Amino acid sequence: MKYAFPLWTTPSVPVAGTDVNFPVHRIYCVGRNYAEHAREMGFDPNREPPFFFSKPADAVVANGSTIRYALATQNFHYEMELVVAIGKEGVNISRESAPDHVYGYAAGLDMTRRDLQLAARDKGRPWDIGKGFDQSAPVSAIHRAADVGHPSSGAIWLKVNGEIKQKADLKELLWPVPDVIAYLSKLFVLKPGDLIYTGTPAGVGPVKPGDRLQGAVEGIDEISINIAS
């Protein structure tokens, strides 16, 4: 088959301990999945079921990269998250069988143009321009579930220039990973290559050019990203 211009490279993420990469199909993100973060964004965490937004697959950024300060924003935020990598297709997945669909886990950052997100939210519009932009999904290597298990607890934290900004435990997730997979698979057919960003703890905040972000999910991986000066 001939194309009008050369095909782009499939976005992918290294698989830890191997010489293969995980091809990225779609990126789903869970909104307000820690109670304290929901509160800091002005919402009651006990009022609503999980909801989701998306990022383009080519928003992924390799661990250790330097990214530019995002276009069209004056309020560029970090959000540290556990990332789930799907390895088996499924729809209407039960909570009990959800782990069977997980290929592995990673540490990731949901970078956000907060001013654009909030402006859209306040007008009842989609969050796309606030969330789904270039270089908005930094992610560490994926660690296979066969190697790390299925974490349901463990520290998640983020530092900016060495100062701790976010710190919580995965057991504080309002909707743990199996629930997220089960709920999301009622809305979409989950495919091998999908990534699910599972939500961020309280403590989100802005970055500026020259900042260094360092974060980790206990038992999974660390991630570091520099904001170009």
C-alpha atoms as a PDB file:
ATOM      1  CA  MET A   1       0.000   0.000   0.000  1.00  0.00           C
ATOM      2  CA  LYS A   2       1.185   3.506  -0.853  1.00  0.00           C
ATOM      3  CA  TYR A   3       0.670   6.475   1.462  1.00  0.00           C
ATOM      4  CA  ALA A   4       0.592  10.193   0.774  1.00  0.00           C
ATOM      5  CA  PHE A   5       3.602  10.683   3.075  1.00  0.00           C
ATOM      6  CA  PRO A   6       5.843   8.415   5.176  1.00  0.00           C
ATOM      7  CA  LEU A   7       4.157   6.604   8.063  1.00  0.00           C
ATOM      8  CA  TRP A   8       5.009   7.803  11.540  1.00  0.00           C
ATOM      9  CA  THR A   9       6.804   5.611  14.027  1.00  0.00           C
ATOM     10  CA  THR A  10       4.535   3.653  16.363  1.00  0.00           C
ATOM     11  CA  PRO A  11       4.790   5.167  19.859  1.00  0.00           C
ATOM     12  CA  SER A  12       6.278   2.638  22.265  1.00  0.00           C
ATOM     13  CA  VAL A  13       7.694   2.189  25.757  1.00  0.00           C
ATOM     14  CA  PRO A  14      10.644  -0.067  26.748  1.00  0.00           C
ATOM     15  CA  VAL A  15       9.848  -3.243  28.655  1.00  0.00           C
ATOM     16  CA  ALA A  16      12.222  -3.518  31.620  1.00  0.00           C
ATOM     17  CA  GLY A  17      14.685  -6.381  31.540  1.00  0.00           C
ATOM     18  CA  THR A  18      14.036  -7.166  27.877  1.00  0.00           C
ATOM     19  CA  ASP A  19      15.057  -5.973  24.429  1.00  0.00           C
ATOM     20  CA  VAL A  20      11.453  -5.383  23.335  1.00  0.00           C
ATOM     21  CA  ASN A  21       9.161  -2.369  23.414  1.00  0.00           C
ATOM     22  CA  PHE A  22       5.482  -2.112  24.330  1.00  0.00           C
ATOM     23  CA  PRO A  23       3.579  -0.504  21.397  1.00  0.00           C
ATOM     24  CA  VAL A  24       1.112   2.102  22.612  1.00  0.00           C
ATOM     25  CA  HIS A  25      -2.427   1.832  21.264  1.00  0.00           C
ATOM     26  CA  ARG A  26      -4.446   4.249  23.393  1.00  0.00           C
ATOM     27  CA  ILE A  27      -3.924   6.193  26.621  1.00  0.00           C
ATOM     28  CA  TYR A  28      -6.802   6.378  29.095  1.00  0.00           C
ATOM     29  CA  CYS A  29      -6.624   8.432  32.295  1.00  0.00           C
ATOM     30  CA  VAL A  30      -8.770   8.292  35.424  1.00  0.00           C
ATOM     31  CA  GLY A  31      -9.852  11.618  36.882  1.00  0.00           C
ATOM     32  CA  ARG A  32      -9.827  12.409  40.611  1.00  0.00           C
ATOM     33  CA  ASN A  33      -9.026   8.892  41.867  1.00  0.00           C
ATOM     34  CA  TYR A  34      -7.546   9.938  45.235  1.00  0.00           C
ATOM     35  CA  ALA A  35      -9.889  11.542  47.765  1.00  0.00           C
ATOM     36  CA  GLU A  36      -7.545  14.360  48.780  1.00  0.00           C
ATOM     37  CA  HIS A  37      -6.845  15.296  45.169  1.00  0.00           C
ATOM     38  CA  ALA A  38     -10.584  15.383  44.448  1.00  0.00           C
ATOM     39  CA  ARG A  39     -10.990  17.736  47.398  1.00  0.00           C
ATOM     40  CA  GLU A  40      -8.133  20.007  46.323  1.00  0.00           C
ATOM     41  CA  MET A  41      -9.844  20.313  42.921  1.00  0.00           C
ATOM     42  CA  GLY A  42     -13.070  21.321  44.675  1.00  0.00           C
ATOM     43  CA  PHE A  43     -15.088  18.094  44.444  1.00  0.00           C
ATOM     44  CA  ASP A  44     -16.679  15.579  46.806  1.00  0.00           C
ATOM     45  CA  PRO A  45     -14.775  12.301  46.271  1.00  0.00           C
ATOM     46  CA  ASN A  46     -17.714  10.177  47.435  1.00  0.00           C
ATOM     47  CA  ARG A  47     -20.263  11.520  44.993  1.00  0.00           C
ATOM     48  CA  GLU A  48     -19.459  10.052  41.561  1.00  0.00           C
ATOM     49  CA  PRO A  49     -18.236   6.865  39.841  1.00  0.00           C
ATOM     50  CA  PRO A  50     -14.901   6.891  37.989  1.00  0.00           C
ATOM     51  CA  PHE A  51     -14.628   9.004  34.864  1.00  0.00           C
ATOM     52  CA  PHE A  52     -12.018   9.041  32.130  1.00  0.00           C
ATOM     53  CA  PHE A  53     -10.250  11.218  29.591  1.00  0.00           C
ATOM     54  CA  SER A  54      -7.695  10.371  26.922  1.00  0.00           C
ATOM     55  CA  LYS A  55      -4.334  11.403  25.603  1.00  0.00           C
ATOM     56  CA  PRO A  56      -2.929  10.648  22.130  1.00  0.00           C
ATOM     57  CA  ALA A  57      -0.605   7.657  21.945  1.00  0.00           C
ATOM     58  CA  ASP A  58       2.262   9.830  20.733  1.00  0.00           C
ATOM     59  CA  ALA A  59       2.082  11.936  23.915  1.00  0.00           C
ATOM     60  CA  VAL A  60       4.340   9.336  25.585  1.00  0.00           C
ATOM     61  CA  VAL A  61       7.782  10.589  26.598  1.00  0.00           C
ATOM     62  CA  ALA A  62      10.715   8.380  27.612  1.00  0.00           C
ATOM     63  CA  ASN A  63      12.008   8.369  31.169  1.00  0.00           C
ATOM     64  CA  GLY A  64      14.914  10.787  31.636  1.00  0.00           C
ATOM     65  CA  SER A  65      13.817  13.112  28.825  1.00  0.00           C
ATOM     66  CA  THR A  66      13.786  16.878  28.728  1.00  0.00           C
ATOM     67  CA  ILE A  67      10.439  18.251  27.616  1.00  0.00           C
ATOM     68  CA  ARG A  68       9.525  21.764  26.610  1.00  0.00           C
ATOM     69  CA  TYR A  69       7.261  23.969  28.678  1.00  0.00           C
ATOM     70  CA  ALA A  70       3.877  23.288  27.084  1.00  0.00           C
ATOM     71  CA  LEU A  71       2.466  25.628  24.478  1.00  0.00           C
ATOM     72  CA  ALA A  72      -0.393  28.021  25.235  1.00  0.00           C
ATOM     73  CA  THR A  73      -0.330  27.718  29.028  1.00  0.00           C
ATOM     74  CA  GLN A  74       0.740  29.797  31.987  1.00  0.00           C
ATOM     75  CA  ASN A  75      -0.013  27.038  34.524  1.00  0.00           C
ATOM     76  CA  PHE A  76       1.762  23.792  33.558  1.00  0.00           C
ATOM     77  CA  HIS A  77       1.186  21.096  36.208  1.00  0.00           C
ATOM     78  CA  TYR A  78       2.600  17.693  37.183  1.00  0.00           C
ATOM     79  CA  GLU A  79       0.476  14.723  38.286  1.00  0.00           C
ATOM     80  CA  MET A  80       2.329  11.572  39.440  1.00  0.00           C
ATOM     81  CA  GLU A  81       0.563   8.270  38.665  1.00  0.00           C
ATOM     82  CA  LEU A  82       0.704   4.482  38.560  1.00  0.00           C
ATOM     83  CA  VAL A  83       0.331   3.353  34.944  1.00  0.00           C
ATOM     84  CA  VAL A  84      -1.240   0.045  33.910  1.00  0.00           C
ATOM     85  CA  ALA A  85      -0.235  -1.586  30.609  1.00  0.00           C
ATOM     86  CA  ILE A  86      -2.900  -3.819  29.045  1.00  0.00           C
ATOM     87  CA  GLY A  87      -1.712  -6.998  27.340  1.00  0.00           C
ATOM     88  CA  LYS A  88      -4.922  -8.904  26.570  1.00  0.00           C
ATOM     89  CA  GLU A  89      -8.062  -7.763  24.768  1.00  0.00           C
ATOM     90  CA  GLY A  90     -11.268  -7.626  26.758  1.00  0.00           C
ATOM     91  CA  VAL A  91     -14.705  -6.077  27.111  1.00  0.00           C
ATOM     92  CA  ASN A  92     -17.042  -6.193  30.118  1.00  0.00           C
ATOM     93  CA  ILE A  93     -14.158  -7.585  32.152  1.00  0.00           C
ATOM     94  CA  SER A  94     -14.992  -8.696  35.679  1.00  0.00           C
ATOM     95  CA  ARG A  95     -13.092  -7.276  38.613  1.00  0.00           C
ATOM     96  CA  GLU A  96     -11.843 -10.762  39.454  1.00  0.00           C
ATOM     97  CA  SER A  97     -10.407 -11.411  35.993  1.00  0.00           C
ATOM     98  CA  ALA A  98      -9.002  -7.887  35.489  1.00  0.00           C
ATOM     99  CA  PRO A  99      -5.422  -8.839  36.510  1.00  0.00           C
ATOM    100  CA  ASP A 100      -5.362 -11.410  33.685  1.00  0.00           C
ATOM    101  CA  HIS A 101      -5.519  -8.518  31.212  1.00  0.00           C
ATOM    102  CA  VAL A 102      -2.552  -6.624  32.685  1.00  0.00           C
ATOM    103  CA  TYR A 103       0.804  -6.902  30.936  1.00  0.00           C
ATOM    104  CA  GLY A 104       2.642  -4.754  33.459  1.00  0.00           C
ATOM    105  CA  TYR A 105       2.998  -1.505  35.348  1.00  0.00           C
ATOM    106  CA  ALA A 106       4.991   1.733  35.123  1.00  0.00           C
ATOM    107  CA  ALA A 107       5.420   5.102  36.812  1.00  0.00           C
ATOM    108  CA  GLY A 108       4.061   8.014  34.822  1.00  0.00           C
ATOM    109  CA  LEU A 109       3.268  11.715  34.785  1.00  0.00           C
ATOM    110  CA  ASP A 110       0.000  13.192  33.571  1.00  0.00           C
ATOM    111  CA  MET A 111       1.237  16.636  32.567  1.00  0.00           C
ATOM    112  CA  THR A 112      -1.605  19.144  32.482  1.00  0.00           C
ATOM    113  CA  ARG A 113      -2.267  22.611  31.121  1.00  0.00           C
ATOM    114  CA  ARG A 114      -4.277  23.458  34.212  1.00  0.00           C
ATOM    115  CA  ASP A 115      -5.499  26.865  33.108  1.00  0.00           C
ATOM    116  CA  LEU A 116      -6.868  25.423  29.856  1.00  0.00           C
ATOM    117  CA  GLN A 117      -8.386  22.430  31.654  1.00  0.00           C
ATOM    118  CA  LEU A 118     -10.186  24.580  34.225  1.00  0.00           C
ATOM    119  CA  ALA A 119     -11.415  27.059  31.618  1.00  0.00           C
ATOM    120  CA  ALA A 120     -12.918  24.178  29.625  1.00  0.00           C
ATOM    121  CA  ARG A 121     -14.385  22.572  32.733  1.00  0.00           C
ATOM    122  CA  ASP A 122     -16.034  25.784  33.865  1.00  0.00           C
ATOM    123  CA  LYS A 123     -17.738  26.098  30.464  1.00  0.00           C
ATOM    124  CA  GLY A 124     -18.832  22.451  30.448  1.00  0.00           C
ATOM    125  CA  ARG A 125     -16.474  21.641  27.571  1.00  0.00           C
ATOM    126  CA  PRO A 126     -14.166  18.608  27.094  1.00  0.00           C
ATOM    127  CA  TRP A 127     -10.735  18.651  28.715  1.00  0.00           C
ATOM    128  CA  ASP A 128      -8.850  17.672  25.546  1.00  0.00           C
ATOM    129  CA  ILE A 129      -6.686  20.757  25.159  1.00  0.00           C
ATOM    130  CA  GLY A 130      -5.831  20.740  28.858  1.00  0.00           C
ATOM    131  CA  LYS A 131      -4.795  17.085  28.941  1.00  0.00           C
ATOM    132  CA  GLY A 132      -4.157  15.599  25.491  1.00  0.00           C
ATOM    133  CA  PHE A 133      -1.243  17.584  24.104  1.00  0.00           C
ATOM    134  CA  ASP A 134       2.321  16.911  22.928  1.00  0.00           C
ATOM    135  CA  GLN A 135       4.716  15.373  25.495  1.00  0.00           C
ATOM    136  CA  SER A 136       1.970  15.186  28.126  1.00  0.00           C
ATOM    137  CA  ALA A 137       2.484  11.515  29.105  1.00  0.00           C
ATOM    138  CA  PRO A 138       6.024  10.816  30.381  1.00  0.00           C
ATOM    139  CA  VAL A 139       6.324   7.174  31.449  1.00  0.00           C
ATOM    140  CA  SER A 140       8.994   4.852  32.821  1.00  0.00           C
ATOM    141  CA  ALA A 141       9.805   1.447  31.402  1.00  0.00           C
ATOM    142  CA  ILE A 142       7.010  -1.085  31.817  1.00  0.00           C
ATOM    143  CA  HIS A 143       7.668  -3.813  34.361  1.00  0.00           C
ATOM    144  CA  ARG A 144       5.892  -7.073  33.600  1.00  0.00           C
ATOM    145  CA  ALA A 145       3.279  -8.224  36.077  1.00  0.00           C
ATOM    146  CA  ALA A 146       4.993 -11.606  36.032  1.00  0.00           C
ATOM    147  CA  ASP A 147       8.006  -9.871  37.616  1.00  0.00           C
ATOM    148  CA  VAL A 148       6.414  -7.311  39.960  1.00  0.00           C
ATOM    149  CA  GLY A 149       2.998  -8.770  40.713  1.00  0.00           C
ATOM    150  CA  HIS A 150      -0.126  -6.601  40.946  1.00  0.00           C
ATOM    151  CA  PRO A 151       0.486  -3.760  43.419  1.00  0.00           C
ATOM    152  CA  SER A 152      -2.449  -2.752  45.623  1.00  0.00           C
ATOM    153  CA  SER A 153      -0.383  -0.747  48.111  1.00  0.00           C
ATOM    154  CA  GLY A 154       2.951   1.043  48.217  1.00  0.00           C
ATOM    155  CA  ALA A 155       4.223   4.604  48.270  1.00  0.00           C
ATOM    156  CA  ILE A 156       3.732   6.949  45.344  1.00  0.00           C
ATOM    157  CA  TRP A 157       5.580  10.258  45.476  1.00  0.00           C
ATOM    158  CA  LEU A 158       6.944  13.150  43.435  1.00  0.00           C
ATOM    159  CA  LYS A 159       9.638  15.768  44.043  1.00  0.00           C
ATOM    160  CA  VAL A 160      10.244  19.032  42.212  1.00  0.00           C
ATOM    161  CA  ASN A 161      13.875  20.156  42.435  1.00  0.00           C
ATOM    162  CA  GLY A 162      14.343  17.767  45.350  1.00  0.00           C
ATOM    163  CA  GLU A 163      11.366  19.031  47.374  1.00  0.00           C
ATOM    164  CA  ILE A 164       8.584  16.527  48.037  1.00  0.00           C
ATOM    165  CA  LYS A 165       5.268  17.686  46.547  1.00  0.00           C
ATOM    166  CA  GLN A 166       3.127  14.567  46.372  1.00  0.00           C
ATOM    167  CA  LYS A 167       3.144  11.563  48.702  1.00  0.00           C
ATOM    168  CA  ALA A 168       0.473   8.908  49.156  1.00  0.00           C
ATOM    169  CA  ASP A 169      -0.101   5.162  49.033  1.00  0.00           C
ATOM    170  CA  LEU A 170      -1.708   3.116  46.271  1.00  0.00           C
ATOM    171  CA  LYS A 171      -4.134   1.700  48.830  1.00  0.00           C
ATOM    172  CA  GLU A 172      -5.698   5.183  48.915  1.00  0.00           C
ATOM    173  CA  LEU A 173      -7.014   4.828  45.357  1.00  0.00           C
ATOM    174  CA  LEU A 174     -10.770   5.394  45.404  1.00  0.00           C
ATOM    175  CA  TRP A 175     -11.097   2.844  42.581  1.00  0.00           C
ATOM    176  CA  PRO A 176      -8.241   0.307  42.649  1.00  0.00           C
ATOM    177  CA  VAL A 177      -6.798  -1.057  39.415  1.00  0.00           C
ATOM    178  CA  PRO A 178      -9.195  -4.034  39.055  1.00  0.00           C
ATOM    179  CA  ASP A 179     -12.192  -1.705  39.467  1.00  0.00           C
ATOM    180  CA  VAL A 180     -10.772   0.756  36.953  1.00  0.00           C
ATOM    181  CA  ILE A 181     -10.235  -1.983  34.357  1.00  0.00           C
ATOM    182  CA  ALA A 182     -13.692  -3.464  34.930  1.00  0.00           C
ATOM    183  CA  TYR A 183     -15.417  -0.075  34.642  1.00  0.00           C
ATOM    184  CA  LEU A 184     -13.390   1.133  31.648  1.00  0.00           C
ATOM    185  CA  SER A 185     -13.995  -2.132  29.757  1.00  0.00           C
ATOM    186  CA  LYS A 186     -17.726  -1.430  29.864  1.00  0.00           C
ATOM    187  CA  LEU A 187     -17.066   1.728  27.843  1.00  0.00           C
ATOM    188  CA  PHE A 188     -14.320   0.554  25.459  1.00  0.00           C
ATOM    189  CA  VAL A 189     -12.895  -2.704  24.163  1.00  0.00           C
ATOM    190  CA  LEU A 190      -9.518  -2.724  25.889  1.00  0.00           C
ATOM    191  CA  LYS A 191      -6.686  -3.730  23.562  1.00  0.00           C
ATOM    192  CA  PRO A 192      -3.096  -4.899  23.978  1.00  0.00           C
ATOM    193  CA  GLY A 193      -1.041  -1.718  23.948  1.00  0.00           C
ATOM    194  CA  ASP A 194      -3.474   0.393  25.957  1.00  0.00           C
ATOM    195  CA  LEU A 195      -2.077   2.391  28.888  1.00  0.00           C
ATOM    196  CA  ILE A 196      -4.227   3.437  31.840  1.00  0.00           C
ATOM    197  CA  TYR A 197      -3.040   6.315  34.036  1.00  0.00           C
ATOM    198  CA  THR A 198      -4.792   5.560  37.317  1.00  0.00           C
ATOM    199  CA  GLY A 199      -5.009   8.999  38.934  1.00  0.00           C
ATOM    200  CA  THR A 200      -2.840  11.293  41.016  1.00  0.00           C
ATOM    201  CA  PRO A 201      -2.583  12.040  44.761  1.00  0.00           C
ATOM    202  CA  ALA A 202      -3.041  15.477  46.283  1.00  0.00           C
ATOM    203  CA  GLY A 203      -0.274  18.025  45.932  1.00  0.00           C
ATOM    204  CA  VAL A 204      -0.431  18.823  42.229  1.00  0.00           C
ATOM    205  CA  GLY A 205       1.170  22.087  41.256  1.00  0.00           C
ATOM    206  CA  PRO A 206       2.983  24.121  38.629  1.00  0.00           C
ATOM    207  CA  VAL A 207       6.413  23.716  37.090  1.00  0.00           C
ATOM    208  CA  LYS A 208       8.623  26.309  35.481  1.00  0.00           C
ATOM    209  CA  PRO A 209      11.407  26.140  32.898  1.00  0.00           C
ATOM    210  CA  GLY A 210      14.517  24.512  34.337  1.00  0.00           C
ATOM    211  CA  ASP A 211      12.653  22.380  36.911  1.00  0.00           C
ATOM    212  CA  ARG A 212      13.508  18.715  37.507  1.00  0.00           C
ATOM    213  CA  LEU A 213      10.727  16.262  38.371  1.00  0.00           C
ATOM    214  CA  GLN A 214      11.540  12.997  40.136  1.00  0.00           C
ATOM    215  CA  GLY A 215       8.913  10.496  41.183  1.00  0.00           C
ATOM    216  CA  ALA A 216       8.364   6.841  41.943  1.00  0.00           C
ATOM    217  CA  VAL A 217       5.840   4.111  42.534  1.00  0.00           C
ATOM    218  CA  GLU A 218       7.173   1.743  45.183  1.00  0.00           C
ATOM    219  CA  GLY A 219       7.989  -1.684  43.789  1.00  0.00           C
ATOM    220  CA  ILE A 220       7.575  -0.515  40.188  1.00  0.00           C
ATOM    221  CA  ASP A 221       9.969   2.200  39.021  1.00  0.00           C
ATOM    222  CA  GLU A 222      11.208   5.758  39.308  1.00  0.00           C
ATOM    223  CA  ILE A 223      10.785   8.469  36.717  1.00  0.00           C
ATOM    224  CA  SER A 224      12.613  11.733  36.133  1.00  0.00           C
ATOM    225  CA  ILE A 225      11.832  14.511  33.673  1.00  0.00           C
ATOM    226  CA  ASN A 226      13.427  17.907  33.083  1.00  0.00           C
ATOM    227  CA  ILE A 227      11.524  20.983  31.915  1.00  0.00           C
ATOM    228  CA  ALA A 228      13.582  22.758  29.264  1.00  0.00           C
ATOM    229  CA  SER A 229      15.022  26.072  30.404  1.00  0.00           C
END
